[in-house]
Full PDB file with SEQRES, HELIX, SHEET, SSBOND, CRYST1, ORIGX, SCALE, CONECT and MASTER records, all heavy atoms in Angstrom:
SEQRES   1 A   38  VAL LEU PHE ILE CYS ASP GLN PRO GLY ILE SER GLN LYS          
SEQRES   2 A   38  GLN LEU LEU HIS GLN LEU PHE ARG GLN GLN SER ILE VAL          
SEQRES   3 A   38  THR LYS ALA VAL ASN TYR LEU ILE LYS ASN ASP TRP              
HELIX    1 AA1 LEU A    2  ASP A    6  1                                   5    
HELIX    2 AA2 GLN A   12  LEU A   19  1                                   8    
HELIX    3 AA3 GLN A   23  LYS A   35  1                                  13    
CRYST1    1.000    1.000    1.000  90.00  90.00  90.00 P 1           1          
ORIGX1      1.000000  0.000000  0.000000        0.00000                         
ORIGX2      0.000000  1.000000  0.000000        0.00000                         
ORIGX3      0.000000  0.000000  1.000000        0.00000                         
SCALE1      1.000000  0.000000  0.000000        0.00000                         
SCALE2      0.000000  1.000000  0.000000        0.00000                         
SCALE3      0.000000  0.000000  1.000000        0.00000                         
ATOM      1  N   VAL A   1       0.836  -1.155   0.035  1.00  0.00           N  
ATOM      2  CA  VAL A   1       0.034   0.023  -0.009  1.00  0.00           C  
ATOM      3  C   VAL A   1       0.883   1.264  -0.012  1.00  0.00           C  
ATOM      4  O   VAL A   1       0.709   2.181  -0.808  1.00  0.00           O  
ATOM      5  CB  VAL A   1      -0.992   0.015   1.172  1.00  0.00           C  
ATOM      6  CG1 VAL A   1      -1.729   1.357   1.331  1.00  0.00           C  
ATOM      7  CG2 VAL A   1      -1.962  -1.224   1.204  1.00  0.00           C  
ATOM      8  N   LEU A   2       1.873   1.299   0.842  1.00  0.00           N  
ATOM      9  CA  LEU A   2       2.800   2.458   0.875  1.00  0.00           C  
ATOM     10  C   LEU A   2       3.470   2.596  -0.461  1.00  0.00           C  
ATOM     11  O   LEU A   2       3.510   3.757  -1.011  1.00  0.00           O  
ATOM     12  CB  LEU A   2       3.872   2.175   1.906  1.00  0.00           C  
ATOM     13  CG  LEU A   2       3.473   2.280   3.450  1.00  0.00           C  
ATOM     14  CD1 LEU A   2       4.612   1.918   4.309  1.00  0.00           C  
ATOM     15  CD2 LEU A   2       2.898   3.588   3.723  1.00  0.00           C  
ATOM     16  N   PHE A   3       3.918   1.519  -1.081  1.00  0.00           N  
ATOM     17  CA  PHE A   3       4.723   1.554  -2.399  1.00  0.00           C  
ATOM     18  C   PHE A   3       3.801   2.137  -3.496  1.00  0.00           C  
ATOM     19  O   PHE A   3       4.145   2.947  -4.234  1.00  0.00           O  
ATOM     20  CB  PHE A   3       5.202   0.263  -2.664  1.00  0.00           C  
ATOM     21  CG  PHE A   3       6.496   0.237  -3.492  1.00  0.00           C  
ATOM     22  CD1 PHE A   3       7.727   0.262  -2.756  1.00  0.00           C  
ATOM     23  CD2 PHE A   3       6.416   0.344  -4.777  1.00  0.00           C  
ATOM     24  CE1 PHE A   3       8.891   0.266  -3.477  1.00  0.00           C  
ATOM     25  CE2 PHE A   3       7.729   0.326  -5.483  1.00  0.00           C  
ATOM     26  CZ  PHE A   3       8.932   0.313  -4.894  1.00  0.00           C  
ATOM     27  N   ILE A   4       2.537   1.545  -3.429  1.00  0.00           N  
ATOM     28  CA  ILE A   4       1.665   2.043  -4.545  1.00  0.00           C  
ATOM     29  C   ILE A   4       1.126   3.439  -4.372  1.00  0.00           C  
ATOM     30  O   ILE A   4       0.895   4.152  -5.341  1.00  0.00           O  
ATOM     31  CB  ILE A   4       0.460   0.997  -4.639  1.00  0.00           C  
ATOM     32  CG1 ILE A   4       0.951  -0.334  -5.190  1.00  0.00           C  
ATOM     33  CG2 ILE A   4      -0.649   1.493  -5.588  1.00  0.00           C  
ATOM     34  CD1 ILE A   4       0.099  -1.601  -5.091  1.00  0.00           C  
ATOM     35  N   CYS A   5       0.967   3.761  -3.057  1.00  0.00           N  
ATOM     36  CA  CYS A   5       0.503   5.285  -2.851  1.00  0.00           C  
ATOM     37  C   CYS A   5       1.741   6.205  -3.236  1.00  0.00           C  
ATOM     38  O   CYS A   5       1.446   7.312  -3.791  1.00  0.00           O  
ATOM     39  CB  CYS A   5       0.221   5.459  -1.344  1.00  0.00           C  
ATOM     40  SG  CYS A   5      -1.428   4.897  -0.901  1.00  0.00           S  
ATOM     41  N   ASP A   6       2.907   5.744  -3.028  1.00  0.00           N  
ATOM     42  CA  ASP A   6       4.091   6.550  -3.357  1.00  0.00           C  
ATOM     43  C   ASP A   6       4.334   6.557  -4.824  1.00  0.00           C  
ATOM     44  O   ASP A   6       4.921   7.556  -5.455  1.00  0.00           O  
ATOM     45  CB  ASP A   6       5.388   5.965  -2.708  1.00  0.00           C  
ATOM     46  CG  ASP A   6       5.410   6.373  -1.244  1.00  0.00           C  
ATOM     47  OD1 ASP A   6       4.691   7.404  -0.805  1.00  0.00           O  
ATOM     48  OD2 ASP A   6       6.072   5.649  -0.480  1.00  0.00           O  
ATOM     49  N   GLN A   7       3.942   5.448  -5.536  1.00  0.00           N  
ATOM     50  CA  GLN A   7       4.182   5.375  -6.987  1.00  0.00           C  
ATOM     51  C   GLN A   7       2.826   4.984  -7.726  1.00  0.00           C  
ATOM     52  O   GLN A   7       2.807   3.867  -8.268  1.00  0.00           O  
ATOM     53  CB  GLN A   7       5.305   4.429  -7.341  1.00  0.00           C  
ATOM     54  CG  GLN A   7       6.631   4.849  -6.836  1.00  0.00           C  
ATOM     55  CD  GLN A   7       7.715   3.770  -7.181  1.00  0.00           C  
ATOM     56  OE1 GLN A   7       7.754   3.368  -8.300  1.00  0.00           O  
ATOM     57  NE2 GLN A   7       8.618   3.555  -6.208  1.00  0.00           N  
ATOM     58  N   PRO A   8       1.839   5.766  -7.666  1.00  0.00           N  
ATOM     59  CA  PRO A   8       0.611   5.428  -8.327  1.00  0.00           C  
ATOM     60  C   PRO A   8       0.831   5.165  -9.888  1.00  0.00           C  
ATOM     61  O   PRO A   8       1.499   5.870 -10.514  1.00  0.00           O  
ATOM     62  CB  PRO A   8      -0.357   6.628  -8.039  1.00  0.00           C  
ATOM     63  CG  PRO A   8       0.585   7.677  -7.704  1.00  0.00           C  
ATOM     64  CD  PRO A   8       1.835   7.167  -7.197  1.00  0.00           C  
ATOM     65  N   GLY A   9       0.140   4.030 -10.359  1.00  0.00           N  
ATOM     66  CA  GLY A   9       0.252   3.649 -11.752  1.00  0.00           C  
ATOM     67  C   GLY A   9       1.379   2.726 -12.021  1.00  0.00           C  
ATOM     68  O   GLY A   9       1.745   2.341 -13.144  1.00  0.00           O  
ATOM     69  N   ILE A  10       2.052   2.292 -10.947  1.00  0.00           N  
ATOM     70  CA  ILE A  10       3.190   1.275 -11.106  1.00  0.00           C  
ATOM     71  C   ILE A  10       2.535  -0.055 -11.665  1.00  0.00           C  
ATOM     72  O   ILE A  10       1.393  -0.424 -11.255  1.00  0.00           O  
ATOM     73  CB  ILE A  10       3.921   1.072  -9.830  1.00  0.00           C  
ATOM     74  CG1 ILE A  10       5.215   0.232 -10.062  1.00  0.00           C  
ATOM     75  CG2 ILE A  10       3.085   0.425  -8.752  1.00  0.00           C  
ATOM     76  CD1 ILE A  10       6.109   0.121  -8.953  1.00  0.00           C  
ATOM     77  N   SER A  11       3.252  -0.694 -12.505  1.00  0.00           N  
ATOM     78  CA  SER A  11       2.704  -2.007 -13.003  1.00  0.00           C  
ATOM     79  C   SER A  11       3.091  -3.068 -12.003  1.00  0.00           C  
ATOM     80  O   SER A  11       4.000  -2.977 -11.205  1.00  0.00           O  
ATOM     81  CB  SER A  11       3.331  -2.340 -14.459  1.00  0.00           C  
ATOM     82  OG  SER A  11       4.704  -2.664 -14.198  1.00  0.00           O  
ATOM     83  N   GLN A  12       2.360  -4.197 -12.101  1.00  0.00           N  
ATOM     84  CA  GLN A  12       2.642  -5.186 -11.105  1.00  0.00           C  
ATOM     85  C   GLN A  12       3.959  -5.758 -11.364  1.00  0.00           C  
ATOM     86  O   GLN A  12       4.664  -6.199 -10.402  1.00  0.00           O  
ATOM     87  CB  GLN A  12       1.545  -6.307 -11.231  1.00  0.00           C  
ATOM     88  CG  GLN A  12       1.568  -7.371 -10.170  1.00  0.00           C  
ATOM     89  CD  GLN A  12       0.337  -8.176 -10.151  1.00  0.00           C  
ATOM     90  OE1 GLN A  12      -0.762  -7.879 -10.595  1.00  0.00           O  
ATOM     91  NE2 GLN A  12       0.494  -9.400  -9.545  1.00  0.00           N  
ATOM     92  N   LYS A  13       4.427  -5.869 -12.568  1.00  0.00           N  
ATOM     93  CA  LYS A  13       5.712  -6.320 -12.962  1.00  0.00           C  
ATOM     94  C   LYS A  13       6.887  -5.525 -12.332  1.00  0.00           C  
ATOM     95  O   LYS A  13       7.793  -5.948 -11.798  1.00  0.00           O  
ATOM     96  CB  LYS A  13       5.915  -6.399 -14.465  1.00  0.00           C  
ATOM     97  CG  LYS A  13       7.195  -7.054 -14.891  1.00  0.00           C  
ATOM     98  CD  LYS A  13       7.180  -7.265 -16.454  1.00  0.00           C  
ATOM     99  CE  LYS A  13       8.363  -8.020 -16.873  1.00  0.00           C  
ATOM    100  NZ  LYS A  13       8.446  -8.274 -18.318  1.00  0.00           N  
ATOM    101  N   GLN A  14       6.635  -4.210 -12.471  1.00  0.00           N  
ATOM    102  CA  GLN A  14       7.611  -3.265 -11.873  1.00  0.00           C  
ATOM    103  C   GLN A  14       7.580  -3.354 -10.332  1.00  0.00           C  
ATOM    104  O   GLN A  14       8.643  -3.329  -9.682  1.00  0.00           O  
ATOM    105  CB  GLN A  14       7.224  -1.711 -12.191  1.00  0.00           C  
ATOM    106  CG  GLN A  14       7.393  -1.430 -13.623  1.00  0.00           C  
ATOM    107  CD  GLN A  14       6.891  -0.036 -13.970  1.00  0.00           C  
ATOM    108  OE1 GLN A  14       5.771   0.355 -13.459  1.00  0.00           O  
ATOM    109  NE2 GLN A  14       7.614   0.742 -14.744  1.00  0.00           N  
ATOM    110  N   LEU A  15       6.438  -3.554  -9.792  1.00  0.00           N  
ATOM    111  CA  LEU A  15       6.375  -3.690  -8.304  1.00  0.00           C  
ATOM    112  C   LEU A  15       7.132  -4.930  -7.848  1.00  0.00           C  
ATOM    113  O   LEU A  15       8.025  -4.862  -6.849  1.00  0.00           O  
ATOM    114  CB  LEU A  15       4.872  -3.824  -7.924  1.00  0.00           C  
ATOM    115  CG  LEU A  15       4.591  -3.904  -6.466  1.00  0.00           C  
ATOM    116  CD1 LEU A  15       4.980  -2.682  -5.746  1.00  0.00           C  
ATOM    117  CD2 LEU A  15       3.088  -4.247  -6.226  1.00  0.00           C  
ATOM    118  N   LEU A  16       7.001  -6.031  -8.532  1.00  0.00           N  
ATOM    119  CA  LEU A  16       7.692  -7.279  -8.010  1.00  0.00           C  
ATOM    120  C   LEU A  16       9.214  -7.085  -8.230  1.00  0.00           C  
ATOM    121  O   LEU A  16       9.916  -7.610  -7.445  1.00  0.00           O  
ATOM    122  CB  LEU A  16       7.185  -8.528  -8.637  1.00  0.00           C  
ATOM    123  CG  LEU A  16       7.395  -8.844 -10.117  1.00  0.00           C  
ATOM    124  CD1 LEU A  16       8.567  -9.787 -10.252  1.00  0.00           C  
ATOM    125  CD2 LEU A  16       6.255  -9.655 -10.663  1.00  0.00           C  
ATOM    126  N   HIS A  17       9.593  -6.451  -9.307  1.00  0.00           N  
ATOM    127  CA  HIS A  17      11.037  -6.220  -9.473  1.00  0.00           C  
ATOM    128  C   HIS A  17      11.645  -5.267  -8.458  1.00  0.00           C  
ATOM    129  O   HIS A  17      12.822  -5.478  -7.893  1.00  0.00           O  
ATOM    130  CB  HIS A  17      11.327  -5.748 -10.919  1.00  0.00           C  
ATOM    131  CG  HIS A  17      11.268  -6.712 -11.850  1.00  0.00           C  
ATOM    132  ND1 HIS A  17      12.078  -7.898 -11.927  1.00  0.00           N  
ATOM    133  CD2 HIS A  17      10.357  -6.975 -12.839  1.00  0.00           C  
ATOM    134  CE1 HIS A  17      11.659  -8.664 -12.967  1.00  0.00           C  
ATOM    135  NE2 HIS A  17      10.620  -8.107 -13.599  1.00  0.00           N  
ATOM    136  N   GLN A  18      10.895  -4.194  -8.119  1.00  0.00           N  
ATOM    137  CA  GLN A  18      11.429  -3.265  -7.178  1.00  0.00           C  
ATOM    138  C   GLN A  18      11.387  -3.712  -5.694  1.00  0.00           C  
ATOM    139  O   GLN A  18      12.148  -3.299  -4.816  1.00  0.00           O  
ATOM    140  CB  GLN A  18      10.618  -1.953  -7.276  1.00  0.00           C  
ATOM    141  CG  GLN A  18      10.937  -1.250  -8.568  1.00  0.00           C  
ATOM    142  CD  GLN A  18      10.370   0.190  -8.666  1.00  0.00           C  
ATOM    143  OE1 GLN A  18       9.959   0.790  -7.735  1.00  0.00           O  
ATOM    144  NE2 GLN A  18      10.422   0.768  -9.914  1.00  0.00           N  
ATOM    145  N   LEU A  19      10.393  -4.717  -5.388  1.00  0.00           N  
ATOM    146  CA  LEU A  19      10.355  -5.201  -4.030  1.00  0.00           C  
ATOM    147  C   LEU A  19      11.116  -6.570  -3.853  1.00  0.00           C  
ATOM    148  O   LEU A  19      11.265  -7.048  -2.829  1.00  0.00           O  
ATOM    149  CB  LEU A  19       8.859  -5.479  -3.664  1.00  0.00           C  
ATOM    150  CG  LEU A  19       8.000  -4.277  -3.558  1.00  0.00           C  
ATOM    151  CD1 LEU A  19       6.598  -4.633  -3.327  1.00  0.00           C  
ATOM    152  CD2 LEU A  19       8.537  -3.339  -2.400  1.00  0.00           C  
ATOM    153  N   PHE A  20      11.715  -7.027  -5.021  1.00  0.00           N  
ATOM    154  CA  PHE A  20      12.547  -8.218  -4.934  1.00  0.00           C  
ATOM    155  C   PHE A  20      11.701  -9.490  -4.338  1.00  0.00           C  
ATOM    156  O   PHE A  20      12.131 -10.098  -3.516  1.00  0.00           O  
ATOM    157  CB  PHE A  20      13.809  -8.103  -4.199  1.00  0.00           C  
ATOM    158  CG  PHE A  20      14.653  -6.942  -4.735  1.00  0.00           C  
ATOM    159  CD1 PHE A  20      14.790  -5.779  -4.194  1.00  0.00           C  
ATOM    160  CD2 PHE A  20      15.425  -7.163  -5.919  1.00  0.00           C  
ATOM    161  CE1 PHE A  20      15.548  -4.708  -4.677  1.00  0.00           C  
ATOM    162  CE2 PHE A  20      16.174  -6.204  -6.387  1.00  0.00           C  
ATOM    163  CZ  PHE A  20      16.313  -4.929  -5.838  1.00  0.00           C  
ATOM    164  N   ARG A  21      10.465  -9.583  -4.926  1.00  0.00           N  
ATOM    165  CA  ARG A  21       9.567 -10.596  -4.322  1.00  0.00           C  
ATOM    166  C   ARG A  21       9.246 -11.433  -5.574  1.00  0.00           C  
ATOM    167  O   ARG A  21       9.308 -11.131  -6.834  1.00  0.00           O  
ATOM    168  CB  ARG A  21       8.253 -10.058  -3.897  1.00  0.00           C  
ATOM    169  CG  ARG A  21       8.412  -9.177  -2.700  1.00  0.00           C  
ATOM    170  CD  ARG A  21       8.602 -10.036  -1.499  1.00  0.00           C  
ATOM    171  NE  ARG A  21       8.471  -9.265  -0.236  1.00  0.00           N  
ATOM    172  CZ  ARG A  21       9.315  -9.464   0.825  1.00  0.00           C  
ATOM    173  NH1 ARG A  21      10.183 -10.333   0.773  1.00  0.00           N  
ATOM    174  NH2 ARG A  21       9.137  -8.709   1.796  1.00  0.00           N  
ATOM    175  N   GLN A  22       8.828 -12.658  -5.405  1.00  0.00           N  
ATOM    176  CA  GLN A  22       8.383 -13.593  -6.380  1.00  0.00           C  
ATOM    177  C   GLN A  22       7.061 -13.238  -6.852  1.00  0.00           C  
ATOM    178  O   GLN A  22       6.159 -12.657  -6.121  1.00  0.00           O  
ATOM    179  CB  GLN A  22       8.322 -15.046  -5.846  1.00  0.00           C  
ATOM    180  CG  GLN A  22       9.659 -15.603  -5.475  1.00  0.00           C  
ATOM    181  CD  GLN A  22       9.606 -17.025  -4.848  1.00  0.00           C  
ATOM    182  OE1 GLN A  22       8.519 -17.453  -4.384  1.00  0.00           O  
ATOM    183  NE2 GLN A  22      10.677 -17.737  -4.906  1.00  0.00           N  
ATOM    184  N   GLN A  23       6.718 -13.519  -8.190  1.00  0.00           N  
ATOM    185  CA  GLN A  23       5.525 -13.110  -8.724  1.00  0.00           C  
ATOM    186  C   GLN A  23       4.262 -13.699  -7.991  1.00  0.00           C  
ATOM    187  O   GLN A  23       3.354 -12.936  -7.784  1.00  0.00           O  
ATOM    188  CB  GLN A  23       5.465 -13.607 -10.154  1.00  0.00           C  
ATOM    189  CG  GLN A  23       4.241 -13.102 -10.946  1.00  0.00           C  
ATOM    190  CD  GLN A  23       4.220 -13.384 -12.369  1.00  0.00           C  
ATOM    191  OE1 GLN A  23       5.227 -13.836 -12.992  1.00  0.00           O  
ATOM    192  NE2 GLN A  23       3.182 -13.116 -13.042  1.00  0.00           N  
ATOM    193  N   SER A  24       4.330 -14.906  -7.575  1.00  0.00           N  
ATOM    194  CA  SER A  24       3.218 -15.502  -6.831  1.00  0.00           C  
ATOM    195  C   SER A  24       2.835 -14.825  -5.544  1.00  0.00           C  
ATOM    196  O   SER A  24       1.722 -14.580  -5.200  1.00  0.00           O  
ATOM    197  CB  SER A  24       3.432 -16.949  -6.596  1.00  0.00           C  
ATOM    198  OG  SER A  24       4.507 -17.201  -5.661  1.00  0.00           O  
ATOM    199  N   ILE A  25       3.907 -14.308  -4.830  1.00  0.00           N  
ATOM    200  CA  ILE A  25       3.691 -13.569  -3.575  1.00  0.00           C  
ATOM    201  C   ILE A  25       3.119 -12.252  -3.889  1.00  0.00           C  
ATOM    202  O   ILE A  25       2.098 -11.769  -3.207  1.00  0.00           O  
ATOM    203  CB  ILE A  25       5.085 -13.524  -2.832  1.00  0.00           C  
ATOM    204  CG1 ILE A  25       5.602 -14.812  -2.391  1.00  0.00           C  
ATOM    205  CG2 ILE A  25       4.959 -12.498  -1.635  1.00  0.00           C  
ATOM    206  CD1 ILE A  25       6.906 -14.830  -1.869  1.00  0.00           C  
ATOM    207  N   VAL A  26       3.668 -11.524  -4.834  1.00  0.00           N  
ATOM    208  CA  VAL A  26       3.088 -10.240  -5.203  1.00  0.00           C  
ATOM    209  C   VAL A  26       1.626 -10.312  -5.691  1.00  0.00           C  
ATOM    210  O   VAL A  26       0.734  -9.567  -5.360  1.00  0.00           O  
ATOM    211  CB  VAL A  26       4.007  -9.535  -6.298  1.00  0.00           C  
ATOM    212  CG1 VAL A  26       3.258  -8.230  -6.781  1.00  0.00           C  
ATOM    213  CG2 VAL A  26       5.323  -9.242  -5.717  1.00  0.00           C  
ATOM    214  N   THR A  27       1.309 -11.370  -6.505  1.00  0.00           N  
ATOM    215  CA  THR A  27      -0.070 -11.540  -7.053  1.00  0.00           C  
ATOM    216  C   THR A  27      -0.983 -11.764  -5.898  1.00  0.00           C  
ATOM    217  O   THR A  27      -2.118 -11.202  -5.841  1.00  0.00           O  
ATOM    218  CB  THR A  27      -0.072 -12.745  -8.027  1.00  0.00           C  
ATOM    219  OG1 THR A  27       0.819 -12.390  -9.113  1.00  0.00           O  
ATOM    220  CG2 THR A  27      -1.380 -12.965  -8.568  1.00  0.00           C  
ATOM    221  N   LYS A  28      -0.605 -12.611  -4.961  1.00  0.00           N  
ATOM    222  CA  LYS A  28      -1.444 -12.948  -3.834  1.00  0.00           C  
ATOM    223  C   LYS A  28      -1.713 -11.611  -3.016  1.00  0.00           C  
ATOM    224  O   LYS A  28      -2.845 -11.389  -2.616  1.00  0.00           O  
ATOM    225  CB  LYS A  28      -0.831 -13.908  -2.915  1.00  0.00           C  
ATOM    226  CG  LYS A  28      -1.658 -14.461  -1.803  1.00  0.00           C  
ATOM    227  CD  LYS A  28      -0.945 -15.508  -1.020  1.00  0.00           C  
ATOM    228  CE  LYS A  28      -1.824 -16.021   0.189  1.00  0.00           C  
ATOM    229  NZ  LYS A  28      -1.176 -17.090   0.962  1.00  0.00           N  
ATOM    230  N   ALA A  29      -0.660 -10.836  -2.725  1.00  0.00           N  
ATOM    231  CA  ALA A  29      -0.833  -9.645  -1.984  1.00  0.00           C  
ATOM    232  C   ALA A  29      -1.681  -8.641  -2.704  1.00  0.00           C  
ATOM    233  O   ALA A  29      -2.622  -7.969  -2.137  1.00  0.00           O  
ATOM    234  CB  ALA A  29       0.568  -9.035  -1.612  1.00  0.00           C  
ATOM    235  N   VAL A  30      -1.437  -8.470  -3.996  1.00  0.00           N  
ATOM    236  CA  VAL A  30      -2.257  -7.524  -4.813  1.00  0.00           C  
ATOM    237  C   VAL A  30      -3.672  -7.906  -4.832  1.00  0.00           C  
ATOM    238  O   VAL A  30      -4.658  -7.087  -4.695  1.00  0.00           O  
ATOM    239  CB  VAL A  30      -1.690  -7.503  -6.282  1.00  0.00           C  
ATOM    240  CG1 VAL A  30      -2.608  -6.723  -7.250  1.00  0.00           C  
ATOM    241  CG2 VAL A  30      -0.397  -6.705  -6.293  1.00  0.00           C  
ATOM    242  N   ASN A  31      -4.028  -9.251  -5.009  1.00  0.00           N  
ATOM    243  CA  ASN A  31      -5.417  -9.674  -5.013  1.00  0.00           C  
ATOM    244  C   ASN A  31      -6.111  -9.402  -3.691  1.00  0.00           C  
ATOM    245  O   ASN A  31      -7.247  -9.007  -3.703  1.00  0.00           O  
ATOM    246  CB  ASN A  31      -5.434 -11.109  -5.356  1.00  0.00           C  
ATOM    247  CG  ASN A  31      -5.149 -11.371  -6.860  1.00  0.00           C  
ATOM    248  OD1 ASN A  31      -5.254 -10.478  -7.673  1.00  0.00           O  
ATOM    249  ND2 ASN A  31      -4.743 -12.629  -7.180  1.00  0.00           N  
ATOM    250  N   TYR A  32      -5.336  -9.592  -2.605  1.00  0.00           N  
ATOM    251  CA  TYR A  32      -5.939  -9.318  -1.280  1.00  0.00           C  
ATOM    252  C   TYR A  32      -6.239  -7.904  -1.110  1.00  0.00           C  
ATOM    253  O   TYR A  32      -7.303  -7.446  -0.650  1.00  0.00           O  
ATOM    254  CB  TYR A  32      -4.957  -9.749  -0.204  1.00  0.00           C  
ATOM    255  CG  TYR A  32      -5.326  -9.362   1.218  1.00  0.00           C  
ATOM    256  CD1 TYR A  32      -6.262 -10.119   1.978  1.00  0.00           C  
ATOM    257  CD2 TYR A  32      -4.937  -8.175   1.789  1.00  0.00           C  
ATOM    258  CE1 TYR A  32      -6.657  -9.797   3.141  1.00  0.00           C  
ATOM    259  CE2 TYR A  32      -5.376  -7.808   3.105  1.00  0.00           C  
ATOM    260  CZ  TYR A  32      -6.228  -8.543   3.754  1.00  0.00           C  
ATOM    261  OH  TYR A  32      -6.601  -8.196   5.032  1.00  0.00           O  
ATOM    262  N   LEU A  33      -5.317  -6.971  -1.548  1.00  0.00           N  
ATOM    263  CA  LEU A  33      -5.504  -5.526  -1.396  1.00  0.00           C  
ATOM    264  C   LEU A  33      -6.567  -5.048  -2.310  1.00  0.00           C  
ATOM    265  O   LEU A  33      -7.375  -4.131  -1.899  1.00  0.00           O  
ATOM    266  CB  LEU A  33      -4.177  -4.891  -1.638  1.00  0.00           C  
ATOM    267  CG  LEU A  33      -3.166  -5.082  -0.573  1.00  0.00           C  
ATOM    268  CD1 LEU A  33      -1.720  -4.548  -1.196  1.00  0.00           C  
ATOM    269  CD2 LEU A  33      -3.490  -4.542   0.724  1.00  0.00           C  
ATOM    270  N   ILE A  34      -6.813  -5.657  -3.438  1.00  0.00           N  
ATOM    271  CA  ILE A  34      -7.866  -5.254  -4.352  1.00  0.00           C  
ATOM    272  C   ILE A  34      -9.218  -5.675  -3.730  1.00  0.00           C  
ATOM    273  O   ILE A  34     -10.201  -4.871  -3.702  1.00  0.00           O  
ATOM    274  CB  ILE A  34      -7.837  -5.898  -5.769  1.00  0.00           C  
ATOM    275  CG1 ILE A  34      -6.616  -5.302  -6.591  1.00  0.00           C  
ATOM    276  CG2 ILE A  34      -9.085  -5.819  -6.500  1.00  0.00           C  
ATOM    277  CD1 ILE A  34      -6.197  -6.018  -7.850  1.00  0.00           C  
ATOM    278  N   LYS A  35      -9.285  -6.900  -3.171  1.00  0.00           N  
ATOM    279  CA  LYS A  35     -10.479  -7.399  -2.583  1.00  0.00           C  
ATOM    280  C   LYS A  35     -10.911  -6.580  -1.423  1.00  0.00           C  
ATOM    281  O   LYS A  35     -12.095  -6.318  -1.085  1.00  0.00           O  
ATOM    282  CB  LYS A  35     -10.230  -8.869  -2.168  1.00  0.00           C  
ATOM    283  CG  LYS A  35     -11.479  -9.475  -1.485  1.00  0.00           C  
ATOM    284  CD  LYS A  35     -11.140 -10.931  -1.019  1.00  0.00           C  
ATOM    285  CE  LYS A  35     -12.171 -11.504  -0.251  1.00  0.00           C  
ATOM    286  NZ  LYS A  35     -11.857 -12.786   0.229  1.00  0.00           N  
ATOM    287  N   ASN A  36      -9.988  -6.033  -0.615  1.00  0.00           N  
ATOM    288  CA  ASN A  36     -10.174  -5.251   0.602  1.00  0.00           C  
ATOM    289  C   ASN A  36     -10.197  -3.705   0.337  1.00  0.00           C  
ATOM    290  O   ASN A  36      -9.967  -2.944   1.227  1.00  0.00           O  
ATOM    291  CB  ASN A  36      -9.215  -5.605   1.647  1.00  0.00           C  
ATOM    292  CG  ASN A  36      -9.527  -7.039   2.131  1.00  0.00           C  
ATOM    293  OD1 ASN A  36     -10.454  -7.206   2.887  1.00  0.00           O  
ATOM    294  ND2 ASN A  36      -8.836  -8.007   1.684  1.00  0.00           N  
ATOM    295  N   ASP A  37     -10.267  -3.402  -0.868  1.00  0.00           N  
ATOM    296  CA  ASP A  37     -10.444  -1.900  -1.341  1.00  0.00           C  
ATOM    297  C   ASP A  37      -9.231  -0.997  -0.919  1.00  0.00           C  
ATOM    298  O   ASP A  37      -9.441   0.098  -0.457  1.00  0.00           O  
ATOM    299  CB  ASP A  37     -11.705  -1.381  -0.642  1.00  0.00           C  
ATOM    300  CG  ASP A  37     -12.013   0.039  -1.247  1.00  0.00           C  
ATOM    301  OD1 ASP A  37     -11.993   0.186  -2.472  1.00  0.00           O  
ATOM    302  OD2 ASP A  37     -12.573   0.910  -0.585  1.00  0.00           O  
ATOM    303  N   TRP A  38      -8.050  -1.471  -1.065  1.00  0.00           N  
ATOM    304  CA  TRP A  38      -6.844  -0.710  -0.889  1.00  0.00           C  
ATOM    305  C   TRP A  38      -6.257  -0.208  -2.140  1.00  0.00           C  
ATOM    306  O   TRP A  38      -5.663   0.822  -2.266  1.00  0.00           O  
ATOM    307  CB  TRP A  38      -5.764  -1.509  -0.057  1.00  0.00           C  
ATOM    308  CG  TRP A  38      -6.106  -1.726   1.354  1.00  0.00           C  
ATOM    309  CD1 TRP A  38      -6.641  -2.802   1.926  1.00  0.00           C  
ATOM    310  CD2 TRP A  38      -5.991  -0.774   2.351  1.00  0.00           C  
ATOM    311  NE1 TRP A  38      -6.801  -2.571   3.306  1.00  0.00           N  
ATOM    312  CE2 TRP A  38      -6.418  -1.294   3.588  1.00  0.00           C  
ATOM    313  CE3 TRP A  38      -5.461   0.491   2.456  1.00  0.00           C  
ATOM    314  CZ2 TRP A  38      -6.431  -0.615   4.823  1.00  0.00           C  
ATOM    315  CZ3 TRP A  38      -5.408   1.169   3.567  1.00  0.00           C  
ATOM    316  CH2 TRP A  38      -5.818   0.593   4.732  1.00  0.00           C  
TER     317      TRP A  38                                                      
MASTER        0    0    0    3    0    0    0    6  316    1    0    3          
END                                                                             
């Protein structure tokens, strides 16, 4: 949430590269945050 608020419009691919996370972990977190209106 902090990262996306600081960089609105970031792609999910850019997010996973900048956070040094695996795609599956980022996808799971993004889906949770979408579902919970973040």
